[in-house]
Amino acid sequence: MIKLPFTDPGNPDTRSPLRFLLWVARLRWKTLLGGVFFGVIWMVAQALMPAAIGQAIQQGIVDSDNQAPRPVVADPARARRDDRPPPA
């Protein structure tokens, strides 16, 4: 069970805005680290989606293979151009 109220964090360092933010970050480093971790995962996922869609378009439309986009969209890491048989 959470004990409320929380213990007194001490006196904030109010000499400058940067020192105050560093004081808060020092007290809440676990929350800050978790936010950074999930933010990086989110941004990497957003960056990889256009690459997967572009790979599917490249294999399906440009290479004239209508079955190729399925493995690329399902699992982009396993679908490689070298693994496919040559078109007939």
PDB file of N, CA and C in Angstrom:
ATOM      1  N   MET A   1       0.833  -1.160   0.000  1.00  0.00           N
ATOM      2  CA  MET A   1       0.000   0.000   0.000  1.00  0.00           C
ATOM      3  C   MET A   1       0.890   1.239   0.000  1.00  0.00           C
ATOM      4  N   ILE A   2       0.482   2.251  -0.736  1.00  0.00           N
ATOM      5  CA  ILE A   2       1.242   3.489  -0.825  1.00  0.00           C
ATOM      6  C   ILE A   2       1.016   4.322   0.426  1.00  0.00           C
ATOM      7  N   LYS A   3       2.099   4.785   0.990  1.00  0.00           N
ATOM      8  CA  LYS A   3       1.989   5.638   2.167  1.00  0.00           C
ATOM      9  C   LYS A   3       1.795   7.087   1.713  1.00  0.00           C
ATOM     10  N   LEU A   4       0.706   7.660   2.123  1.00  0.00           N
ATOM     11  CA  LEU A   4       0.427   9.051   1.802  1.00  0.00           C
ATOM     12  C   LEU A   4       0.359   9.840   3.089  1.00  0.00           C
ATOM     13  N   PRO A   5       0.759  11.028   3.143  1.00  0.00           N
ATOM     14  CA  PRO A   5       1.445  11.793   2.102  1.00  0.00           C
ATOM     15  C   PRO A   5       2.878  11.311   1.942  1.00  0.00           C
ATOM     16  N   PHE A   6       3.449  11.614   0.786  1.00  0.00           N
ATOM     17  CA  PHE A   6       4.834  11.248   0.521  1.00  0.00           C
ATOM     18  C   PHE A   6       5.765  11.983   1.471  1.00  0.00           C
ATOM     19  N   THR A   7       6.950  11.438   1.603  1.00  0.00           N
ATOM     20  CA  THR A   7       7.933  12.117   2.459  1.00  0.00           C
ATOM     21  C   THR A   7       8.353  13.432   1.811  1.00  0.00           C
ATOM     22  N   ASP A   8       8.789  14.348   2.616  1.00  0.00           N
ATOM     23  CA  ASP A   8       9.203  15.662   2.134  1.00  0.00           C
ATOM     24  C   ASP A   8      10.449  15.518   1.262  1.00  0.00           C
ATOM     25  N   PRO A   9      10.398  15.969  -0.026  1.00  0.00           N
ATOM     26  CA  PRO A   9      11.557  15.811  -0.902  1.00  0.00           C
ATOM     27  C   PRO A   9      12.688  16.779  -0.598  1.00  0.00           C
ATOM     28  N   GLY A  10      12.473  17.726   0.264  1.00  0.00           N
ATOM     29  CA  GLY A  10      13.516  18.707   0.576  1.00  0.00           C
ATOM     30  C   GLY A  10      13.221  20.029  -0.090  1.00  0.00           C
ATOM     31  N   ASN A  11      14.174  20.911  -0.019  1.00  0.00           N
ATOM     32  CA  ASN A  11      14.014  22.240  -0.615  1.00  0.00           C
ATOM     33  C   ASN A  11      14.493  22.225  -2.058  1.00  0.00           C
ATOM     34  N   PRO A  12      13.668  22.709  -2.983  1.00  0.00           N
ATOM     35  CA  PRO A  12      14.090  22.729  -4.386  1.00  0.00           C
ATOM     36  C   PRO A  12      15.188  23.755  -4.625  1.00  0.00           C
ATOM     37  N   ASP A  13      16.015  23.465  -5.607  1.00  0.00           N
ATOM     38  CA  ASP A  13      17.079  24.387  -6.005  1.00  0.00           C
ATOM     39  C   ASP A  13      16.475  25.394  -6.971  1.00  0.00           C
ATOM     40  N   THR A  14      16.195  26.585  -6.506  1.00  0.00           N
ATOM     41  CA  THR A  14      15.505  27.596  -7.318  1.00  0.00           C
ATOM     42  C   THR A  14      16.442  28.687  -7.818  1.00  0.00           C
ATOM     43  N   ARG A  15      17.734  28.409  -7.903  1.00  0.00           N
ATOM     44  CA  ARG A  15      18.674  29.420  -8.390  1.00  0.00           C
ATOM     45  C   ARG A  15      18.508  29.687  -9.881  1.00  0.00           C
ATOM     46  N   SER A  16      18.070  28.672 -10.627  1.00  0.00           N
ATOM     47  CA  SER A  16      17.825  28.845 -12.059  1.00  0.00           C
ATOM     48  C   SER A  16      16.820  27.784 -12.497  1.00  0.00           C
ATOM     49  N   PRO A  17      16.160  28.015 -13.630  1.00  0.00           N
ATOM     50  CA  PRO A  17      15.220  26.998 -14.119  1.00  0.00           C
ATOM     51  C   PRO A  17      15.885  25.650 -14.396  1.00  0.00           C
ATOM     52  N   LEU A  18      17.097  25.665 -14.930  1.00  0.00           N
ATOM     53  CA  LEU A  18      17.804  24.416 -15.213  1.00  0.00           C
ATOM     54  C   LEU A  18      18.115  23.644 -13.937  1.00  0.00           C
ATOM     55  N   ARG A  19      18.556  24.329 -12.916  1.00  0.00           N
ATOM     56  CA  ARG A  19      18.838  23.646 -11.651  1.00  0.00           C
ATOM     57  C   ARG A  19      17.566  23.059 -11.040  1.00  0.00           C
ATOM     58  N   PHE A  20      16.445  23.769 -11.189  1.00  0.00           N
ATOM     59  CA  PHE A  20      15.184  23.236 -10.672  1.00  0.00           C
ATOM     60  C   PHE A  20      14.780  21.967 -11.422  1.00  0.00           C
ATOM     61  N   LEU A  21      14.911  21.979 -12.762  1.00  0.00           N
ATOM     62  CA  LEU A  21      14.566  20.787 -13.541  1.00  0.00           C
ATOM     63  C   LEU A  21      15.484  19.615 -13.197  1.00  0.00           C
ATOM     64  N   LEU A  22      16.752  19.875 -12.995  1.00  0.00           N
ATOM     65  CA  LEU A  22      17.669  18.811 -12.604  1.00  0.00           C
ATOM     66  C   LEU A  22      17.320  18.266 -11.219  1.00  0.00           C
ATOM     67  N   TRP A  23      16.884  19.123 -10.331  1.00  0.00           N
ATOM     68  CA  TRP A  23      16.458  18.694  -8.995  1.00  0.00           C
ATOM     69  C   TRP A  23      15.247  17.772  -9.099  1.00  0.00           C
ATOM     70  N   VAL A  24      14.270  18.142  -9.938  1.00  0.00           N
ATOM     71  CA  VAL A  24      13.081  17.299 -10.122  1.00  0.00           C
ATOM     72  C   VAL A  24      13.465  15.983 -10.790  1.00  0.00           C
ATOM     73  N   ALA A  25      14.335  16.033 -11.805  1.00  0.00           N
ATOM     74  CA  ALA A  25      14.761  14.818 -12.505  1.00  0.00           C
ATOM     75  C   ALA A  25      15.506  13.872 -11.573  1.00  0.00           C
ATOM     76  N   ARG A  26      16.283  14.421 -10.648  1.00  0.00           N
ATOM     77  CA  ARG A  26      17.006  13.578  -9.696  1.00  0.00           C
ATOM     78  C   ARG A  26      16.035  12.830  -8.782  1.00  0.00           C
ATOM     79  N   LEU A  27      14.928  13.470  -8.450  1.00  0.00           N
ATOM     80  CA  LEU A  27      13.954  12.836  -7.566  1.00  0.00           C
ATOM     81  C   LEU A  27      13.076  11.818  -8.300  1.00  0.00           C
ATOM     82  N   ARG A  28      12.801  12.063  -9.562  1.00  0.00           N
ATOM     83  CA  ARG A  28      11.888  11.202 -10.332  1.00  0.00           C
ATOM     84  C   ARG A  28      12.618  10.527 -11.498  1.00  0.00           C
ATOM     85  N   TRP A  29      13.819  10.014 -11.258  1.00  0.00           N
ATOM     86  CA  TRP A  29      14.617   9.446 -12.337  1.00  0.00           C
ATOM     87  C   TRP A  29      14.011   8.171 -12.905  1.00  0.00           C
ATOM     88  N   LYS A  30      13.310   7.380 -12.100  1.00  0.00           N
ATOM     89  CA  LYS A  30      12.714   6.140 -12.619  1.00  0.00           C
ATOM     90  C   LYS A  30      11.598   6.459 -13.607  1.00  0.00           C
ATOM     91  N   THR A  31      10.757   7.407 -13.275  1.00  0.00           N
ATOM     92  CA  THR A  31       9.679   7.813 -14.175  1.00  0.00           C
ATOM     93  C   THR A  31      10.248   8.419 -15.448  1.00  0.00           C
ATOM     94  N   LEU A  32      11.256   9.246 -15.318  1.00  0.00           N
ATOM     95  CA  LEU A  32      11.891   9.878 -16.468  1.00  0.00           C
ATOM     96  C   LEU A  32      12.533   8.838 -17.376  1.00  0.00           C
ATOM     97  N   LEU A  33      13.230   7.875 -16.810  1.00  0.00           N
ATOM     98  CA  LEU A  33      13.868   6.824 -17.601  1.00  0.00           C
ATOM     99  C   LEU A  33      12.831   5.950 -18.314  1.00  0.00           C
ATOM    100  N   GLY A  34      11.731   5.638 -17.636  1.00  0.00           N
ATOM    101  CA  GLY A  34      10.665   4.869 -18.281  1.00  0.00           C
ATOM    102  C   GLY A  34      10.040   5.622 -19.438  1.00  0.00           C
ATOM    103  N   GLY A  35       9.831   6.910 -19.280  1.00  0.00           N
ATOM    104  CA  GLY A  35       9.285   7.718 -20.366  1.00  0.00           C
ATOM    105  C   GLY A  35      10.209   7.779 -21.564  1.00  0.00           C
ATOM    106  N   VAL A  36      11.496   7.917 -21.314  1.00  0.00           N
ATOM    107  CA  VAL A  36      12.472   7.937 -22.408  1.00  0.00           C
ATOM    108  C   VAL A  36      12.487   6.591 -23.126  1.00  0.00           C
ATOM    109  N   PHE A  37      12.460   5.501 -22.378  1.00  0.00           N
ATOM    110  CA  PHE A  37      12.493   4.163 -22.973  1.00  0.00           C
ATOM    111  C   PHE A  37      11.295   3.939 -23.895  1.00  0.00           C
ATOM    112  N   PHE A  38      10.094   4.203 -23.398  1.00  0.00           N
ATOM    113  CA  PHE A  38       8.906   3.973 -24.216  1.00  0.00           C
ATOM    114  C   PHE A  38       8.797   4.978 -25.351  1.00  0.00           C
ATOM    115  N   GLY A  39       9.305   6.187 -25.171  1.00  0.00           N
ATOM    116  CA  GLY A  39       9.322   7.157 -26.257  1.00  0.00           C
ATOM    117  C   GLY A  39      10.222   6.720 -27.398  1.00  0.00           C
ATOM    118  N   VAL A  40      11.365   6.146 -27.077  1.00  0.00           N
ATOM    119  CA  VAL A  40      12.276   5.652 -28.118  1.00  0.00           C
ATOM    120  C   VAL A  40      11.634   4.487 -28.870  1.00  0.00           C
ATOM    121  N   ILE A  41      11.007   3.570 -28.155  1.00  0.00           N
ATOM    122  CA  ILE A  41      10.327   2.445 -28.820  1.00  0.00           C
ATOM    123  C   ILE A  41       9.243   2.956 -29.764  1.00  0.00           C
ATOM    124  N   TRP A  42       8.486   3.930 -29.324  1.00  0.00           N
ATOM    125  CA  TRP A  42       7.415   4.490 -30.131  1.00  0.00           C
ATOM    126  C   TRP A  42       7.968   5.128 -31.409  1.00  0.00           C
ATOM    127  N   MET A  43       9.028   5.902 -31.292  1.00  0.00           N
ATOM    128  CA  MET A  43       9.588   6.578 -32.454  1.00  0.00           C
ATOM    129  C   MET A  43      10.245   5.598 -33.433  1.00  0.00           C
ATOM    130  N   VAL A  44      10.882   4.555 -32.914  1.00  0.00           N
ATOM    131  CA  VAL A  44      11.477   3.545 -33.800  1.00  0.00           C
ATOM    132  C   VAL A  44      10.382   2.820 -34.573  1.00  0.00           C
ATOM    133  N   ALA A  45       9.271   2.508 -33.907  1.00  0.00           N
ATOM    134  CA  ALA A  45       8.160   1.855 -34.603  1.00  0.00           C
ATOM    135  C   ALA A  45       7.598   2.757 -35.696  1.00  0.00           C
ATOM    136  N   GLN A  46       7.497   4.043 -35.438  1.00  0.00           N
ATOM    137  CA  GLN A  46       7.005   4.964 -36.460  1.00  0.00           C
ATOM    138  C   GLN A  46       7.996   5.109 -37.605  1.00  0.00           C
ATOM    139  N   ALA A  47       9.264   5.002 -37.335  1.00  0.00           N
ATOM    140  CA  ALA A  47      10.267   5.121 -38.388  1.00  0.00           C
ATOM    141  C   ALA A  47      10.336   3.874 -39.256  1.00  0.00           C
ATOM    142  N   LEU A  48      10.082   2.702 -38.688  1.00  0.00           N
ATOM    143  CA  LEU A  48      10.189   1.456 -39.447  1.00  0.00           C
ATOM    144  C   LEU A  48       8.953   1.154 -40.291  1.00  0.00           C
ATOM    145  N   MET A  49       7.815   1.702 -39.952  1.00  0.00           N
ATOM    146  CA  MET A  49       6.596   1.415 -40.720  1.00  0.00           C
ATOM    147  C   MET A  49       6.706   1.864 -42.180  1.00  0.00           C
ATOM    148  N   PRO A  50       7.161   3.076 -42.503  1.00  0.00           N
ATOM    149  CA  PRO A  50       7.316   3.422 -43.920  1.00  0.00           C
ATOM    150  C   PRO A  50       8.311   2.520 -44.650  1.00  0.00           C
ATOM    151  N   ALA A  51       9.338   2.048 -43.963  1.00  0.00           N
ATOM    152  CA  ALA A  51      10.294   1.136 -44.600  1.00  0.00           C
ATOM    153  C   ALA A  51       9.624  -0.189 -44.961  1.00  0.00           C
ATOM    154  N   ALA A  52       8.785  -0.708 -44.079  1.00  0.00           N
ATOM    155  CA  ALA A  52       8.082  -1.965 -44.362  1.00  0.00           C
ATOM    156  C   ALA A  52       7.084  -1.786 -45.501  1.00  0.00           C
ATOM    157  N   ILE A  53       6.371  -0.672 -45.496  1.00  0.00           N
ATOM    158  CA  ILE A  53       5.410  -0.429 -46.578  1.00  0.00           C
ATOM    159  C   ILE A  53       6.146  -0.228 -47.903  1.00  0.00           C
ATOM    160  N   GLY A  54       7.250   0.500 -47.882  1.00  0.00           N
ATOM    161  CA  GLY A  54       8.038   0.688 -49.100  1.00  0.00           C
ATOM    162  C   GLY A  54       8.595  -0.610 -49.640  1.00  0.00           C
ATOM    163  N   GLN A  55       9.020  -1.488 -48.761  1.00  0.00           N
ATOM    164  CA  GLN A  55       9.526  -2.799 -49.188  1.00  0.00           C
ATOM    165  C   GLN A  55       8.405  -3.625 -49.815  1.00  0.00           C
ATOM    166  N   ALA A  56       7.222  -3.570 -49.239  1.00  0.00           N
ATOM    167  CA  ALA A  56       6.089  -4.309 -49.801  1.00  0.00           C
ATOM    168  C   ALA A  56       5.722  -3.771 -51.175  1.00  0.00           C
ATOM    169  N   ILE A  57       5.732  -2.467 -51.329  1.00  0.00           N
ATOM    170  CA  ILE A  57       5.422  -1.877 -52.631  1.00  0.00           C
ATOM    171  C   ILE A  57       6.507  -2.231 -53.642  1.00  0.00           C
ATOM    172  N   GLN A  58       7.758  -2.178 -53.235  1.00  0.00           N
ATOM    173  CA  GLN A  58       8.859  -2.518 -54.133  1.00  0.00           C
ATOM    174  C   GLN A  58       8.736  -3.958 -54.628  1.00  0.00           C
ATOM    175  N   GLN A  59       8.449  -4.880 -53.737  1.00  0.00           N
ATOM    176  CA  GLN A  59       8.383  -6.284 -54.129  1.00  0.00           C
ATOM    177  C   GLN A  59       7.093  -6.617 -54.863  1.00  0.00           C
ATOM    178  N   GLY A  60       6.000  -5.964 -54.531  1.00  0.00           N
ATOM    179  CA  GLY A  60       4.717  -6.328 -55.119  1.00  0.00           C
ATOM    180  C   GLY A  60       4.385  -5.612 -56.399  1.00  0.00           C
ATOM    181  N   ILE A  61       4.666  -4.330 -56.474  1.00  0.00           N
ATOM    182  CA  ILE A  61       4.270  -3.551 -57.648  1.00  0.00           C
ATOM    183  C   ILE A  61       5.415  -3.445 -58.644  1.00  0.00           C
ATOM    184  N   VAL A  62       6.577  -3.047 -58.183  1.00  0.00           N
ATOM    185  CA  VAL A  62       7.700  -2.813 -59.083  1.00  0.00           C
ATOM    186  C   VAL A  62       8.217  -4.130 -59.650  1.00  0.00           C
ATOM    187  N   ASP A  63       8.322  -5.152 -58.830  1.00  0.00           N
ATOM    188  CA  ASP A  63       8.829  -6.442 -59.295  1.00  0.00           C
ATOM    189  C   ASP A  63       7.746  -7.333 -59.885  1.00  0.00           C
ATOM    190  N   SER A  64       6.510  -6.861 -59.950  1.00  0.00           N
ATOM    191  CA  SER A  64       5.368  -7.583 -60.538  1.00  0.00           C
ATOM    192  C   SER A  64       5.131  -8.940 -59.889  1.00  0.00           C
ATOM    193  N   ASP A  65       5.213  -8.995 -58.586  1.00  0.00           N
ATOM    194  CA  ASP A  65       4.952 -10.228 -57.856  1.00  0.00           C
ATOM    195  C   ASP A  65       3.861  -9.927 -56.834  1.00  0.00           C
ATOM    196  N   ASN A  66       2.633 -10.300 -57.138  1.00  0.00           N
ATOM    197  CA  ASN A  66       1.488  -9.944 -56.292  1.00  0.00           C
ATOM    198  C   ASN A  66       1.466 -10.686 -54.960  1.00  0.00           C
ATOM    199  N   GLN A  67       2.198 -11.782 -54.830  1.00  0.00           N
ATOM    200  CA  GLN A  67       2.214 -12.533 -53.573  1.00  0.00           C
ATOM    201  C   GLN A  67       3.294 -12.026 -52.611  1.00  0.00           C
ATOM    202  N   ALA A  68       4.220 -11.218 -53.092  1.00  0.00           N
ATOM    203  CA  ALA A  68       5.348 -10.777 -52.271  1.00  0.00           C
ATOM    204  C   ALA A  68       4.972  -9.861 -51.105  1.00  0.00           C
ATOM    205  N   PRO A  69       4.003  -8.960 -51.218  1.00  0.00           N
ATOM    206  CA  PRO A  69       3.735  -8.066 -50.076  1.00  0.00           C
ATOM    207  C   PRO A  69       3.248  -8.788 -48.825  1.00  0.00           C
ATOM    208  N   ARG A  70       2.687  -9.958 -48.965  1.00  0.00           N
ATOM    209  CA  ARG A  70       2.154 -10.643 -47.781  1.00  0.00           C
ATOM    210  C   ARG A  70       3.223 -10.958 -46.742  1.00  0.00           C
ATOM    211  N   PRO A  71       4.350 -11.601 -47.091  1.00  0.00           N
ATOM    212  CA  PRO A  71       5.348 -11.851 -46.039  1.00  0.00           C
ATOM    213  C   PRO A  71       6.027 -10.582 -45.542  1.00  0.00           C
ATOM    214  N   VAL A  72       6.129  -9.571 -46.376  1.00  0.00           N
ATOM    215  CA  VAL A  72       6.783  -8.339 -45.947  1.00  0.00           C
ATOM    216  C   VAL A  72       5.943  -7.641 -44.889  1.00  0.00           C
ATOM    217  N   VAL A  73       4.642  -7.573 -45.101  1.00  0.00           N
ATOM    218  CA  VAL A  73       3.770  -6.921 -44.134  1.00  0.00           C
ATOM    219  C   VAL A  73       3.639  -7.776 -42.881  1.00  0.00           C
ATOM    220  N   ALA A  74       3.610  -9.102 -43.034  1.00  0.00           N
ATOM    221  CA  ALA A  74       3.474  -9.985 -41.873  1.00  0.00           C
ATOM    222  C   ALA A  74       4.739  -9.996 -41.020  1.00  0.00           C
ATOM    223  N   ASP A  75       5.904 -10.069 -41.658  1.00  0.00           N
ATOM    224  CA  ASP A  75       7.167 -10.112 -40.919  1.00  0.00           C
ATOM    225  C   ASP A  75       8.265  -9.504 -41.793  1.00  0.00           C
ATOM    226  N   PRO A  76       8.474  -8.182 -41.697  1.00  0.00           N
ATOM    227  CA  PRO A  76       9.429  -7.526 -42.591  1.00  0.00           C
ATOM    228  C   PRO A  76      10.866  -7.994 -42.423  1.00  0.00           C
ATOM    229  N   ALA A  77      11.220  -8.502 -41.258  1.00  0.00           N
ATOM    230  CA  ALA A  77      12.599  -8.918 -41.044  1.00  0.00           C
ATOM    231  C   ALA A  77      12.930 -10.200 -41.808  1.00  0.00           C
ATOM    232  N   ARG A  78      11.949 -11.058 -42.010  1.00  0.00           N
ATOM    233  CA  ARG A  78      12.217 -12.342 -42.671  1.00  0.00           C
ATOM    234  C   ARG A  78      12.103 -12.260 -44.181  1.00  0.00           C
ATOM    235  N   ALA A  79      11.394 -11.272 -44.688  1.00  0.00           N
ATOM    236  CA  ALA A  79      11.174 -11.183 -46.133  1.00  0.00           C
ATOM    237  C   ALA A  79      12.344 -10.447 -46.784  1.00  0.00           C
ATOM    238  N   ARG A  80      13.071 -11.162 -47.603  1.00  0.00           N
ATOM    239  CA  ARG A  80      14.187 -10.561 -48.329  1.00  0.00           C
ATOM    240  C   ARG A  80      14.035 -10.868 -49.812  1.00  0.00           C
ATOM    241  N   ARG A  81      14.559 -10.018 -50.608  1.00  0.00           N
ATOM    242  CA  ARG A  81      14.423 -10.223 -52.039  1.00  0.00           C
ATOM    243  C   ARG A  81      15.171 -11.471 -52.498  1.00  0.00           C
ATOM    244  N   ASP A  82      16.274 -11.810 -51.841  1.00  0.00           N
ATOM    245  CA  ASP A  82      17.085 -12.961 -52.252  1.00  0.00           C
ATOM    246  C   ASP A  82      16.411 -14.293 -51.934  1.00  0.00           C
ATOM    247  N   ASP A  83      15.456 -14.297 -51.014  1.00  0.00           N
ATOM    248  CA  ASP A  83      14.810 -15.540 -50.606  1.00  0.00           C
ATOM    249  C   ASP A  83      13.698 -15.969 -51.560  1.00  0.00           C
ATOM    250  N   ARG A  84      13.268 -15.096 -52.445  1.00  0.00           N
ATOM    251  CA  ARG A  84      12.160 -15.420 -53.334  1.00  0.00           C
ATOM    252  C   ARG A  84      12.638 -16.138 -54.590  1.00  0.00           C
ATOM    253  N   PRO A  85      11.806 -17.015 -55.105  1.00  0.00           N
ATOM    254  CA  PRO A  85      12.171 -17.625 -56.395  1.00  0.00           C
ATOM    255  C   PRO A  85      12.048 -16.579 -57.507  1.00  0.00           C
ATOM    256  N   PRO A  86      12.797 -16.741 -58.589  1.00  0.00           N
ATOM    257  CA  PRO A  86      12.708 -15.769 -59.688  1.00  0.00           C
ATOM    258  C   PRO A  86      11.321 -15.822 -60.342  1.00  0.00           C
ATOM    259  N   PRO A  87      10.809 -14.691 -60.831  1.00  0.00           N
ATOM    260  CA  PRO A  87       9.485 -14.682 -61.465  1.00  0.00           C
ATOM    261  C   PRO A  87       9.503 -15.480 -62.756  1.00  0.00           C
ATOM    262  N   ALA A  88       8.373 -16.103 -63.007  1.00  0.00           N
ATOM    263  CA  ALA A  88       8.279 -16.935 -64.218  1.00  0.00           C
ATOM    264  C   ALA A  88       7.941 -16.129 -65.445  1.00  0.00           C
TER     265      ALA A  88
END
